[in-house]
Amino acid sequence: VVDHSVLTFLLDPDGIFRDCYGSARTAE
């Protein structure tokens, strides 16, 4: 098993990091 950070990253159209979301966030 590979242990890793459980994060989703949001990049804007300029490739700039805008936000990151942990596993507690719902799809909505």
mmCIF file of all heavy atoms, coordinates in Angstrom:
data_MODEL
# 
_entry.id   MODEL 
# 
loop_
_atom_site.group_PDB 
_atom_site.id 
_atom_site.type_symbol 
_atom_site.label_atom_id 
_atom_site.label_alt_id 
_atom_site.label_comp_id 
_atom_site.label_asym_id 
_atom_site.label_entity_id 
_atom_site.label_seq_id 
_atom_site.pdbx_PDB_ins_code 
_atom_site.Cartn_x 
_atom_site.Cartn_y 
_atom_site.Cartn_z 
_atom_site.occupancy 
_atom_site.B_iso_or_equiv 
_atom_site.pdbx_formal_charge 
_atom_site.auth_seq_id 
_atom_site.auth_comp_id 
_atom_site.auth_asym_id 
_atom_site.auth_atom_id 
_atom_site.pdbx_PDB_model_num 
ATOM 1   N N   . VAL A 1 1  ? 0.863   -1.187 0.000   1.00 0.00 ? 1  VAL A N   1 
ATOM 2   C CA  . VAL A 1 1  ? 0.000   0.000  0.000   1.00 0.00 ? 1  VAL A CA  1 
ATOM 3   C C   . VAL A 1 1  ? 0.894   1.230  0.000   1.00 0.00 ? 1  VAL A C   1 
ATOM 4   O O   . VAL A 1 1  ? 1.968   1.227  0.606   1.00 0.00 ? 1  VAL A O   1 
ATOM 5   C CB  . VAL A 1 1  ? -0.932  0.011  1.236   1.00 0.00 ? 1  VAL A CB  1 
ATOM 6   C CG1 . VAL A 1 1  ? -1.690  1.320  1.320   1.00 0.00 ? 1  VAL A CG1 1 
ATOM 7   C CG2 . VAL A 1 1  ? -1.900  -1.166 1.173   1.00 0.00 ? 1  VAL A CG2 1 
ATOM 8   N N   . VAL A 1 2  ? 0.456   2.268  -0.699  1.00 0.00 ? 2  VAL A N   1 
ATOM 9   C CA  . VAL A 1 2  ? 1.221   3.519  -0.745  1.00 0.00 ? 2  VAL A CA  1 
ATOM 10  C C   . VAL A 1 2  ? 0.493   4.566  0.097   1.00 0.00 ? 2  VAL A C   1 
ATOM 11  O O   . VAL A 1 2  ? -0.654  4.919  -0.193  1.00 0.00 ? 2  VAL A O   1 
ATOM 12  C CB  . VAL A 1 2  ? 1.384   4.027  -2.188  1.00 0.00 ? 2  VAL A CB  1 
ATOM 13  C CG1 . VAL A 1 2  ? 2.226   5.303  -2.196  1.00 0.00 ? 2  VAL A CG1 1 
ATOM 14  C CG2 . VAL A 1 2  ? 2.032   2.957  -3.065  1.00 0.00 ? 2  VAL A CG2 1 
ATOM 15  N N   . ASP A 1 3  ? 1.139   5.019  1.141   1.00 0.00 ? 3  ASP A N   1 
ATOM 16  C CA  . ASP A 1 3  ? 0.592   6.088  1.973   1.00 0.00 ? 3  ASP A CA  1 
ATOM 17  C C   . ASP A 1 3  ? 0.861   7.417  1.277   1.00 0.00 ? 3  ASP A C   1 
ATOM 18  O O   . ASP A 1 3  ? 1.973   7.670  0.803   1.00 0.00 ? 3  ASP A O   1 
ATOM 19  C CB  . ASP A 1 3  ? 1.255   6.061  3.349   1.00 0.00 ? 3  ASP A CB  1 
ATOM 20  C CG  . ASP A 1 3  ? 0.581   6.990  4.331   1.00 0.00 ? 3  ASP A CG  1 
ATOM 21  O OD1 . ASP A 1 3  ? -0.598  7.339  4.105   1.00 0.00 ? 3  ASP A OD1 1 
ATOM 22  O OD2 . ASP A 1 3  ? 1.229   7.381  5.314   1.00 0.00 ? 3  ASP A OD2 1 
ATOM 23  N N   . HIS A 1 4  ? -0.160  8.278  1.196   1.00 0.00 ? 4  HIS A N   1 
ATOM 24  C CA  . HIS A 1 4  ? 0.020   9.563  0.502   1.00 0.00 ? 4  HIS A CA  1 
ATOM 25  C C   . HIS A 1 4  ? -0.979  10.590 1.014   1.00 0.00 ? 4  HIS A C   1 
ATOM 26  O O   . HIS A 1 4  ? -1.986  10.248 1.644   1.00 0.00 ? 4  HIS A O   1 
ATOM 27  C CB  . HIS A 1 4  ? -0.151  9.390  -1.013  1.00 0.00 ? 4  HIS A CB  1 
ATOM 28  C CG  . HIS A 1 4  ? -1.527  8.918  -1.413  1.00 0.00 ? 4  HIS A CG  1 
ATOM 29  N ND1 . HIS A 1 4  ? -2.548  9.791  -1.720  1.00 0.00 ? 4  HIS A ND1 1 
ATOM 30  C CD2 . HIS A 1 4  ? -2.027  7.667  -1.555  1.00 0.00 ? 4  HIS A CD2 1 
ATOM 31  C CE1 . HIS A 1 4  ? -3.629  9.095  -2.030  1.00 0.00 ? 4  HIS A CE1 1 
ATOM 32  N NE2 . HIS A 1 4  ? -3.347  7.806  -1.936  1.00 0.00 ? 4  HIS A NE2 1 
ATOM 33  N N   . SER A 1 5  ? -0.688  11.841 0.754   1.00 0.00 ? 5  SER A N   1 
ATOM 34  C CA  . SER A 1 5  ? -1.591  12.933 1.126   1.00 0.00 ? 5  SER A CA  1 
ATOM 35  C C   . SER A 1 5  ? -2.897  12.792 0.349   1.00 0.00 ? 5  SER A C   1 
ATOM 36  O O   . SER A 1 5  ? -2.884  12.565 -0.859  1.00 0.00 ? 5  SER A O   1 
ATOM 37  C CB  . SER A 1 5  ? -0.963  14.288 0.801   1.00 0.00 ? 5  SER A CB  1 
ATOM 38  O OG  . SER A 1 5  ? 0.312   14.417 1.385   1.00 0.00 ? 5  SER A OG  1 
ATOM 39  N N   . VAL A 1 6  ? -4.011  12.945 1.055   1.00 0.00 ? 6  VAL A N   1 
ATOM 40  C CA  . VAL A 1 6  ? -5.326  12.849 0.411   1.00 0.00 ? 6  VAL A CA  1 
ATOM 41  C C   . VAL A 1 6  ? -5.841  14.268 0.199   1.00 0.00 ? 6  VAL A C   1 
ATOM 42  O O   . VAL A 1 6  ? -6.603  14.813 1.006   1.00 0.00 ? 6  VAL A O   1 
ATOM 43  C CB  . VAL A 1 6  ? -6.298  12.016 1.262   1.00 0.00 ? 6  VAL A CB  1 
ATOM 44  C CG1 . VAL A 1 6  ? -7.639  11.862 0.540   1.00 0.00 ? 6  VAL A CG1 1 
ATOM 45  C CG2 . VAL A 1 6  ? -5.700  10.649 1.562   1.00 0.00 ? 6  VAL A CG2 1 
ATOM 46  N N   . LEU A 1 7  ? -5.395  14.875 -0.893  1.00 0.00 ? 7  LEU A N   1 
ATOM 47  C CA  . LEU A 1 7  ? -5.752  16.254 -1.206  1.00 0.00 ? 7  LEU A CA  1 
ATOM 48  C C   . LEU A 1 7  ? -6.080  16.388 -2.689  1.00 0.00 ? 7  LEU A C   1 
ATOM 49  O O   . LEU A 1 7  ? -5.470  15.719 -3.528  1.00 0.00 ? 7  LEU A O   1 
ATOM 50  C CB  . LEU A 1 7  ? -4.606  17.213 -0.868  1.00 0.00 ? 7  LEU A CB  1 
ATOM 51  C CG  . LEU A 1 7  ? -4.247  17.389 0.601   1.00 0.00 ? 7  LEU A CG  1 
ATOM 52  C CD1 . LEU A 1 7  ? -2.953  18.186 0.732   1.00 0.00 ? 7  LEU A CD1 1 
ATOM 53  C CD2 . LEU A 1 7  ? -5.381  18.096 1.344   1.00 0.00 ? 7  LEU A CD2 1 
ATOM 54  N N   . THR A 1 8  ? -7.046  17.249 -2.986  1.00 0.00 ? 8  THR A N   1 
ATOM 55  C CA  . THR A 1 8  ? -7.374  17.598 -4.364  1.00 0.00 ? 8  THR A CA  1 
ATOM 56  C C   . THR A 1 8  ? -6.996  19.054 -4.572  1.00 0.00 ? 8  THR A C   1 
ATOM 57  O O   . THR A 1 8  ? -7.378  19.920 -3.780  1.00 0.00 ? 8  THR A O   1 
ATOM 58  C CB  . THR A 1 8  ? -8.875  17.407 -4.640  1.00 0.00 ? 8  THR A CB  1 
ATOM 59  O OG1 . THR A 1 8  ? -9.206  16.027 -4.459  1.00 0.00 ? 8  THR A OG1 1 
ATOM 60  C CG2 . THR A 1 8  ? -9.223  17.819 -6.065  1.00 0.00 ? 8  THR A CG2 1 
ATOM 61  N N   . PHE A 1 9  ? -6.241  19.325 -5.633  1.00 0.00 ? 9  PHE A N   1 
ATOM 62  C CA  . PHE A 1 9  ? -5.740  20.669 -5.900  1.00 0.00 ? 9  PHE A CA  1 
ATOM 63  C C   . PHE A 1 9  ? -6.526  21.309 -7.039  1.00 0.00 ? 9  PHE A C   1 
ATOM 64  O O   . PHE A 1 9  ? -6.811  20.655 -8.045  1.00 0.00 ? 9  PHE A O   1 
ATOM 65  C CB  . PHE A 1 9  ? -4.257  20.628 -6.272  1.00 0.00 ? 9  PHE A CB  1 
ATOM 66  C CG  . PHE A 1 9  ? -3.386  20.041 -5.189  1.00 0.00 ? 9  PHE A CG  1 
ATOM 67  C CD1 . PHE A 1 9  ? -3.116  18.682 -5.160  1.00 0.00 ? 9  PHE A CD1 1 
ATOM 68  C CD2 . PHE A 1 9  ? -2.858  20.845 -4.189  1.00 0.00 ? 9  PHE A CD2 1 
ATOM 69  C CE1 . PHE A 1 9  ? -2.325  18.133 -4.171  1.00 0.00 ? 9  PHE A CE1 1 
ATOM 70  C CE2 . PHE A 1 9  ? -2.064  20.304 -3.191  1.00 0.00 ? 9  PHE A CE2 1 
ATOM 71  C CZ  . PHE A 1 9  ? -1.800  18.948 -3.178  1.00 0.00 ? 9  PHE A CZ  1 
ATOM 72  N N   . LEU A 1 10 ? -6.844  22.587 -6.868  1.00 0.00 ? 10 LEU A N   1 
ATOM 73  C CA  . LEU A 1 10 ? -7.520  23.354 -7.914  1.00 0.00 ? 10 LEU A CA  1 
ATOM 74  C C   . LEU A 1 10 ? -6.528  24.326 -8.541  1.00 0.00 ? 10 LEU A C   1 
ATOM 75  O O   . LEU A 1 10 ? -5.925  25.136 -7.850  1.00 0.00 ? 10 LEU A O   1 
ATOM 76  C CB  . LEU A 1 10 ? -8.706  24.140 -7.327  1.00 0.00 ? 10 LEU A CB  1 
ATOM 77  C CG  . LEU A 1 10 ? -9.423  25.079 -8.301  1.00 0.00 ? 10 LEU A CG  1 
ATOM 78  C CD1 . LEU A 1 10 ? -10.121 24.287 -9.410  1.00 0.00 ? 10 LEU A CD1 1 
ATOM 79  C CD2 . LEU A 1 10 ? -10.432 25.960 -7.551  1.00 0.00 ? 10 LEU A CD2 1 
ATOM 80  N N   . LEU A 1 11 ? -6.362  24.230 -9.861  1.00 0.00 ? 11 LEU A N   1 
ATOM 81  C CA  . LEU A 1 11 ? -5.518  25.147 -10.614 1.00 0.00 ? 11 LEU A CA  1 
ATOM 82  C C   . LEU A 1 11 ? -6.397  25.963 -11.539 1.00 0.00 ? 11 LEU A C   1 
ATOM 83  O O   . LEU A 1 11 ? -7.320  25.424 -12.166 1.00 0.00 ? 11 LEU A O   1 
ATOM 84  C CB  . LEU A 1 11 ? -4.482  24.379 -11.443 1.00 0.00 ? 11 LEU A CB  1 
ATOM 85  C CG  . LEU A 1 11 ? -3.562  23.408 -10.700 1.00 0.00 ? 11 LEU A CG  1 
ATOM 86  C CD1 . LEU A 1 11 ? -2.618  22.726 -11.690 1.00 0.00 ? 11 LEU A CD1 1 
ATOM 87  C CD2 . LEU A 1 11 ? -2.770  24.124 -9.624  1.00 0.00 ? 11 LEU A CD2 1 
ATOM 88  N N   . ASP A 1 12 ? -6.116  27.259 -11.631 1.00 0.00 ? 12 ASP A N   1 
ATOM 89  C CA  . ASP A 1 12 ? -6.911  28.110 -12.516 1.00 0.00 ? 12 ASP A CA  1 
ATOM 90  C C   . ASP A 1 12 ? -6.351  28.046 -13.942 1.00 0.00 ? 12 ASP A C   1 
ATOM 91  O O   . ASP A 1 12 ? -5.338  27.381 -14.197 1.00 0.00 ? 12 ASP A O   1 
ATOM 92  C CB  . ASP A 1 12 ? -6.990  29.540 -11.970 1.00 0.00 ? 12 ASP A CB  1 
ATOM 93  C CG  . ASP A 1 12 ? -5.675  30.301 -12.028 1.00 0.00 ? 12 ASP A CG  1 
ATOM 94  O OD1 . ASP A 1 12 ? -4.778  29.922 -12.798 1.00 0.00 ? 12 ASP A OD1 1 
ATOM 95  O OD2 . ASP A 1 12 ? -5.545  31.307 -11.298 1.00 0.00 ? 12 ASP A OD2 1 
ATOM 96  N N   . PRO A 1 13 ? -7.000  28.714 -14.918 1.00 0.00 ? 13 PRO A N   1 
ATOM 97  C CA  . PRO A 1 13 ? -6.527  28.632 -16.305 1.00 0.00 ? 13 PRO A CA  1 
ATOM 98  C C   . PRO A 1 13 ? -5.119  29.169 -16.543 1.00 0.00 ? 13 PRO A C   1 
ATOM 99  O O   . PRO A 1 13 ? -4.524  28.887 -17.595 1.00 0.00 ? 13 PRO A O   1 
ATOM 100 C CB  . PRO A 1 13 ? -7.569  29.471 -17.071 1.00 0.00 ? 13 PRO A CB  1 
ATOM 101 C CG  . PRO A 1 13 ? -8.813  29.337 -16.253 1.00 0.00 ? 13 PRO A CG  1 
ATOM 102 C CD  . PRO A 1 13 ? -8.329  29.356 -14.834 1.00 0.00 ? 13 PRO A CD  1 
ATOM 103 N N   . ASP A 1 14 ? -4.575  29.921 -15.577 1.00 0.00 ? 14 ASP A N   1 
ATOM 104 C CA  . ASP A 1 14 ? -3.198  30.391 -15.687 1.00 0.00 ? 14 ASP A CA  1 
ATOM 105 C C   . ASP A 1 14 ? -2.203  29.408 -15.063 1.00 0.00 ? 14 ASP A C   1 
ATOM 106 O O   . ASP A 1 14 ? -1.005  29.679 -15.021 1.00 0.00 ? 14 ASP A O   1 
ATOM 107 C CB  . ASP A 1 14 ? -3.040  31.758 -15.008 1.00 0.00 ? 14 ASP A CB  1 
ATOM 108 C CG  . ASP A 1 14 ? -3.908  32.813 -15.659 1.00 0.00 ? 14 ASP A CG  1 
ATOM 109 O OD1 . ASP A 1 14 ? -3.970  32.851 -16.908 1.00 0.00 ? 14 ASP A OD1 1 
ATOM 110 O OD2 . ASP A 1 14 ? -4.547  33.596 -14.925 1.00 0.00 ? 14 ASP A OD2 1 
ATOM 111 N N   . GLY A 1 15 ? -2.718  28.287 -14.563 1.00 0.00 ? 15 GLY A N   1 
ATOM 112 C CA  . GLY A 1 15 ? -1.861  27.294 -13.924 1.00 0.00 ? 15 GLY A CA  1 
ATOM 113 C C   . GLY A 1 15 ? -1.514  27.638 -12.492 1.00 0.00 ? 15 GLY A C   1 
ATOM 114 O O   . GLY A 1 15 ? -0.642  27.006 -11.900 1.00 0.00 ? 15 GLY A O   1 
ATOM 115 N N   . ILE A 1 16 ? -2.204  28.649 -11.926 1.00 0.00 ? 16 ILE A N   1 
ATOM 116 C CA  . ILE A 1 16 ? -1.935  29.069 -10.547 1.00 0.00 ? 16 ILE A CA  1 
ATOM 117 C C   . ILE A 1 16 ? -2.754  28.228 -9.574  1.00 0.00 ? 16 ILE A C   1 
ATOM 118 O O   . ILE A 1 16 ? -3.941  27.990 -9.779  1.00 0.00 ? 16 ILE A O   1 
ATOM 119 C CB  . ILE A 1 16 ? -2.271  30.565 -10.351 1.00 0.00 ? 16 ILE A CB  1 
ATOM 120 C CG1 . ILE A 1 16 ? -1.441  31.431 -11.299 1.00 0.00 ? 16 ILE A CG1 1 
ATOM 121 C CG2 . ILE A 1 16 ? -2.049  30.989 -8.901  1.00 0.00 ? 16 ILE A CG2 1 
ATOM 122 C CD1 . ILE A 1 16 ? 0.047   31.339 -11.092 1.00 0.00 ? 16 ILE A CD1 1 
ATOM 123 N N   . PHE A 1 17 ? -2.106  27.792 -8.515  1.00 0.00 ? 17 PHE A N   1 
ATOM 124 C CA  . PHE A 1 17 ? -2.763  27.023 -7.466  1.00 0.00 ? 17 PHE A CA  1 
ATOM 125 C C   . PHE A 1 17 ? -3.766  27.912 -6.738  1.00 0.00 ? 17 PHE A C   1 
ATOM 126 O O   . PHE A 1 17 ? -3.409  28.947 -6.181  1.00 0.00 ? 17 PHE A O   1 
ATOM 127 C CB  . PHE A 1 17 ? -1.689  26.509 -6.509  1.00 0.00 ? 17 PHE A CB  1 
ATOM 128 C CG  . PHE A 1 17 ? -2.224  25.826 -5.285  1.00 0.00 ? 17 PHE A CG  1 
ATOM 129 C CD1 . PHE A 1 17 ? -2.911  24.633 -5.381  1.00 0.00 ? 17 PHE A CD1 1 
ATOM 130 C CD2 . PHE A 1 17 ? -2.011  26.361 -4.031  1.00 0.00 ? 17 PHE A CD2 1 
ATOM 131 C CE1 . PHE A 1 17 ? -3.392  23.990 -4.255  1.00 0.00 ? 17 PHE A CE1 1 
ATOM 132 C CE2 . PHE A 1 17 ? -2.476  25.737 -2.896  1.00 0.00 ? 17 PHE A CE2 1 
ATOM 133 C CZ  . PHE A 1 17 ? -3.175  24.544 -3.008  1.00 0.00 ? 17 PHE A CZ  1 
ATOM 134 N N   . ARG A 1 18 ? -5.032  27.529 -6.778  1.00 0.00 ? 18 ARG A N   1 
ATOM 135 C CA  . ARG A 1 18 ? -6.099  28.333 -6.177  1.00 0.00 ? 18 ARG A CA  1 
ATOM 136 C C   . ARG A 1 18 ? -6.592  27.811 -4.842  1.00 0.00 ? 18 ARG A C   1 
ATOM 137 O O   . ARG A 1 18 ? -6.963  28.575 -3.964  1.00 0.00 ? 18 ARG A O   1 
ATOM 138 C CB  . ARG A 1 18 ? -7.284  28.406 -7.142  1.00 0.00 ? 18 ARG A CB  1 
ATOM 139 C CG  . ARG A 1 18 ? -7.092  29.362 -8.291  1.00 0.00 ? 18 ARG A CG  1 
ATOM 140 C CD  . ARG A 1 18 ? -7.595  30.727 -7.914  1.00 0.00 ? 18 ARG A CD  1 
ATOM 141 N NE  . ARG A 1 18 ? -7.314  31.724 -8.936  1.00 0.00 ? 18 ARG A NE  1 
ATOM 142 C CZ  . ARG A 1 18 ? -7.859  32.930 -8.949  1.00 0.00 ? 18 ARG A CZ  1 
ATOM 143 N NH1 . ARG A 1 18 ? -8.705  33.274 -8.007  1.00 0.00 ? 18 ARG A NH1 1 
ATOM 144 N NH2 . ARG A 1 18 ? -7.535  33.791 -9.872  1.00 0.00 ? 18 ARG A NH2 1 
ATOM 145 N N   . ASP A 1 19 ? -6.660  26.500 -4.700  1.00 0.00 ? 19 ASP A N   1 
ATOM 146 C CA  . ASP A 1 19 ? -7.216  25.941 -3.468  1.00 0.00 ? 19 ASP A CA  1 
ATOM 147 C C   . ASP A 1 19 ? -6.870  24.461 -3.394  1.00 0.00 ? 19 ASP A C   1 
ATOM 148 O O   . ASP A 1 19 ? -6.441  23.863 -4.379  1.00 0.00 ? 19 ASP A O   1 
ATOM 149 C CB  . ASP A 1 19 ? -8.740  26.109 -3.438  1.00 0.00 ? 19 ASP A CB  1 
ATOM 150 C CG  . ASP A 1 19 ? -9.267  26.412 -2.049  1.00 0.00 ? 19 ASP A CG  1 
ATOM 151 O OD1 . ASP A 1 19 ? -8.608  26.007 -1.073  1.00 0.00 ? 19 ASP A OD1 1 
ATOM 152 O OD2 . ASP A 1 19 ? -10.327 27.047 -1.930  1.00 0.00 ? 19 ASP A OD2 1 
ATOM 153 N N   . CYS A 1 20 ? -7.047  23.893 -2.207  1.00 0.00 ? 20 CYS A N   1 
ATOM 154 C CA  . CYS A 1 20 ? -6.924  22.448 -2.069  1.00 0.00 ? 20 CYS A CA  1 
ATOM 155 C C   . CYS A 1 20 ? -8.010  21.968 -1.119  1.00 0.00 ? 20 CYS A C   1 
ATOM 156 O O   . CYS A 1 20 ? -8.462  22.711 -0.243  1.00 0.00 ? 20 CYS A O   1 
ATOM 157 C CB  . CYS A 1 20 ? -5.542  22.032 -1.594  1.00 0.00 ? 20 CYS A CB  1 
ATOM 158 S SG  . CYS A 1 20 ? -5.121  22.545 0.073   1.00 0.00 ? 20 CYS A SG  1 
ATOM 159 N N   . TYR A 1 21 ? -8.432  20.735 -1.319  1.00 0.00 ? 21 TYR A N   1 
ATOM 160 C CA  . TYR A 1 21 ? -9.576  20.198 -0.598  1.00 0.00 ? 21 TYR A CA  1 
ATOM 161 C C   . TYR A 1 21 ? -9.214  18.864 0.030   1.00 0.00 ? 21 TYR A C   1 
ATOM 162 O O   . TYR A 1 21 ? -8.667  17.984 -0.630  1.00 0.00 ? 21 TYR A O   1 
ATOM 163 C CB  . TYR A 1 21 ? -10.763 20.013 -1.557  1.00 0.00 ? 21 TYR A CB  1 
ATOM 164 C CG  . TYR A 1 21 ? -11.066 21.250 -2.369  1.00 0.00 ? 21 TYR A CG  1 
ATOM 165 C CD1 . TYR A 1 21 ? -10.683 21.337 -3.709  1.00 0.00 ? 21 TYR A CD1 1 
ATOM 166 C CD2 . TYR A 1 21 ? -11.718 22.338 -1.788  1.00 0.00 ? 21 TYR A CD2 1 
ATOM 167 C CE1 . TYR A 1 21 ? -10.946 22.479 -4.449  1.00 0.00 ? 21 TYR A CE1 1 
ATOM 168 C CE2 . TYR A 1 21 ? -11.991 23.484 -2.527  1.00 0.00 ? 21 TYR A CE2 1 
ATOM 169 C CZ  . TYR A 1 21 ? -11.592 23.546 -3.853  1.00 0.00 ? 21 TYR A CZ  1 
ATOM 170 O OH  . TYR A 1 21 ? -11.851 24.684 -4.577  1.00 0.00 ? 21 TYR A OH  1 
ATOM 171 N N   . GLY A 1 22 ? -9.531  18.735 1.303   1.00 0.00 ? 22 GLY A N   1 
ATOM 172 C CA  . GLY A 1 22 ? -9.303  17.487 2.004   1.00 0.00 ? 22 GLY A CA  1 
ATOM 173 C C   . GLY A 1 22 ? -10.441 16.513 1.782   1.00 0.00 ? 22 GLY A C   1 
ATOM 174 O O   . GLY A 1 22 ? -11.436 16.815 1.108   1.00 0.00 ? 22 GLY A O   1 
ATOM 175 N N   . SER A 1 23 ? -10.327 15.345 2.377   1.00 0.00 ? 23 SER A N   1 
ATOM 176 C CA  . SER A 1 23 ? -11.310 14.293 2.155   1.00 0.00 ? 23 SER A CA  1 
ATOM 177 C C   . SER A 1 23 ? -12.656 14.577 2.805   1.00 0.00 ? 23 SER A C   1 
ATOM 178 O O   . SER A 1 23 ? -13.652 13.933 2.475   1.00 0.00 ? 23 SER A O   1 
ATOM 179 C CB  . SER A 1 23 ? -10.768 12.956 2.670   1.00 0.00 ? 23 SER A CB  1 
ATOM 180 O OG  . SER A 1 23 ? -10.441 13.054 4.053   1.00 0.00 ? 23 SER A OG  1 
ATOM 181 N N   . ALA A 1 24 ? -12.713 15.549 3.713   1.00 0.00 ? 24 ALA A N   1 
ATOM 182 C CA  . ALA A 1 24 ? -13.964 15.830 4.408   1.00 0.00 ? 24 ALA A CA  1 
ATOM 183 C C   . ALA A 1 24 ? -14.949 16.625 3.548   1.00 0.00 ? 24 ALA A C   1 
ATOM 184 O O   . ALA A 1 24 ? -16.142 16.656 3.839   1.00 0.00 ? 24 ALA A O   1 
ATOM 185 C CB  . ALA A 1 24 ? -13.687 16.602 5.705   1.00 0.00 ? 24 ALA A CB  1 
ATOM 186 N N   . ARG A 1 25 ? -14.463 17.262 2.491   1.00 0.00 ? 25 ARG A N   1 
ATOM 187 C CA  . ARG A 1 25 ? -15.350 18.052 1.625   1.00 0.00 ? 25 ARG A CA  1 
ATOM 188 C C   . ARG A 1 25 ? -16.255 17.142 0.807   1.00 0.00 ? 25 ARG A C   1 
ATOM 189 O O   . ARG A 1 25 ? -15.803 16.168 0.216   1.00 0.00 ? 25 ARG A O   1 
ATOM 190 C CB  . ARG A 1 25 ? -14.529 18.924 0.674   1.00 0.00 ? 25 ARG A CB  1 
ATOM 191 C CG  . ARG A 1 25 ? -13.767 20.056 1.330   1.00 0.00 ? 25 ARG A CG  1 
ATOM 192 C CD  . ARG A 1 25 ? -14.689 21.179 1.765   1.00 0.00 ? 25 ARG A CD  1 
ATOM 193 N NE  . ARG A 1 25 ? -13.916 22.356 2.137   1.00 0.00 ? 25 ARG A NE  1 
ATOM 194 C CZ  . ARG A 1 25 ? -13.755 23.402 1.332   1.00 0.00 ? 25 ARG A CZ  1 
ATOM 195 N NH1 . ARG A 1 25 ? -14.282 23.426 0.134   1.00 0.00 ? 25 ARG A NH1 1 
ATOM 196 N NH2 . ARG A 1 25 ? -13.038 24.434 1.753   1.00 0.00 ? 25 ARG A NH2 1 
ATOM 197 N N   . THR A 1 26 ? -17.537 17.485 0.753   1.00 0.00 ? 26 THR A N   1 
ATOM 198 C CA  . THR A 1 26 ? -18.459 16.736 -0.098  1.00 0.00 ? 26 THR A CA  1 
ATOM 199 C C   . THR A 1 26 ? -18.329 17.225 -1.539  1.00 0.00 ? 26 THR A C   1 
ATOM 200 O O   . THR A 1 26 ? -17.730 18.277 -1.805  1.00 0.00 ? 26 THR A O   1 
ATOM 201 C CB  . THR A 1 26 ? -19.912 16.934 0.358   1.00 0.00 ? 26 THR A CB  1 
ATOM 202 O OG1 . THR A 1 26 ? -20.281 18.315 0.159   1.00 0.00 ? 26 THR A OG1 1 
ATOM 203 C CG2 . THR A 1 26 ? -20.079 16.562 1.829   1.00 0.00 ? 26 THR A CG2 1 
ATOM 204 N N   . ALA A 1 27 ? -18.901 16.471 -2.466  1.00 0.00 ? 27 ALA A N   1 
ATOM 205 C CA  . ALA A 1 27 ? -18.876 16.876 -3.874  1.00 0.00 ? 27 ALA A CA  1 
ATOM 206 C C   . ALA A 1 27 ? -19.581 18.208 -4.064  1.00 0.00 ? 27 ALA A C   1 
ATOM 207 O O   . ALA A 1 27 ? -19.130 19.067 -4.835  1.00 0.00 ? 27 ALA A O   1 
ATOM 208 C CB  . ALA A 1 27 ? -19.531 15.797 -4.734  1.00 0.00 ? 27 ALA A CB  1 
ATOM 209 N N   . GLU A 1 28 ? -20.673 18.396 -3.328  1.00 0.00 ? 28 GLU A N   1 
ATOM 210 C CA  . GLU A 1 28 ? -21.428 19.654 -3.437  1.00 0.00 ? 28 GLU A CA  1 
ATOM 211 C C   . GLU A 1 28 ? -20.613 20.834 -2.924  1.00 0.00 ? 28 GLU A C   1 
ATOM 212 O O   . GLU A 1 28 ? -20.600 21.908 -3.544  1.00 0.00 ? 28 GLU A O   1 
ATOM 213 C CB  . GLU A 1 28 ? -22.748 19.537 -2.659  1.00 0.00 ? 28 GLU A CB  1 
ATOM 214 C CG  . GLU A 1 28 ? -23.773 18.598 -3.271  1.00 0.00 ? 28 GLU A CG  1 
ATOM 215 C CD  . GLU A 1 28 ? -23.420 17.121 -3.102  1.00 0.00 ? 28 GLU A CD  1 
ATOM 216 O OE1 . GLU A 1 28 ? -22.577 16.793 -2.219  1.00 0.00 ? 28 GLU A OE1 1 
ATOM 217 O OE2 . GLU A 1 28 ? -23.988 16.294 -3.836  1.00 0.00 ? 28 GLU A OE2 1 
# 
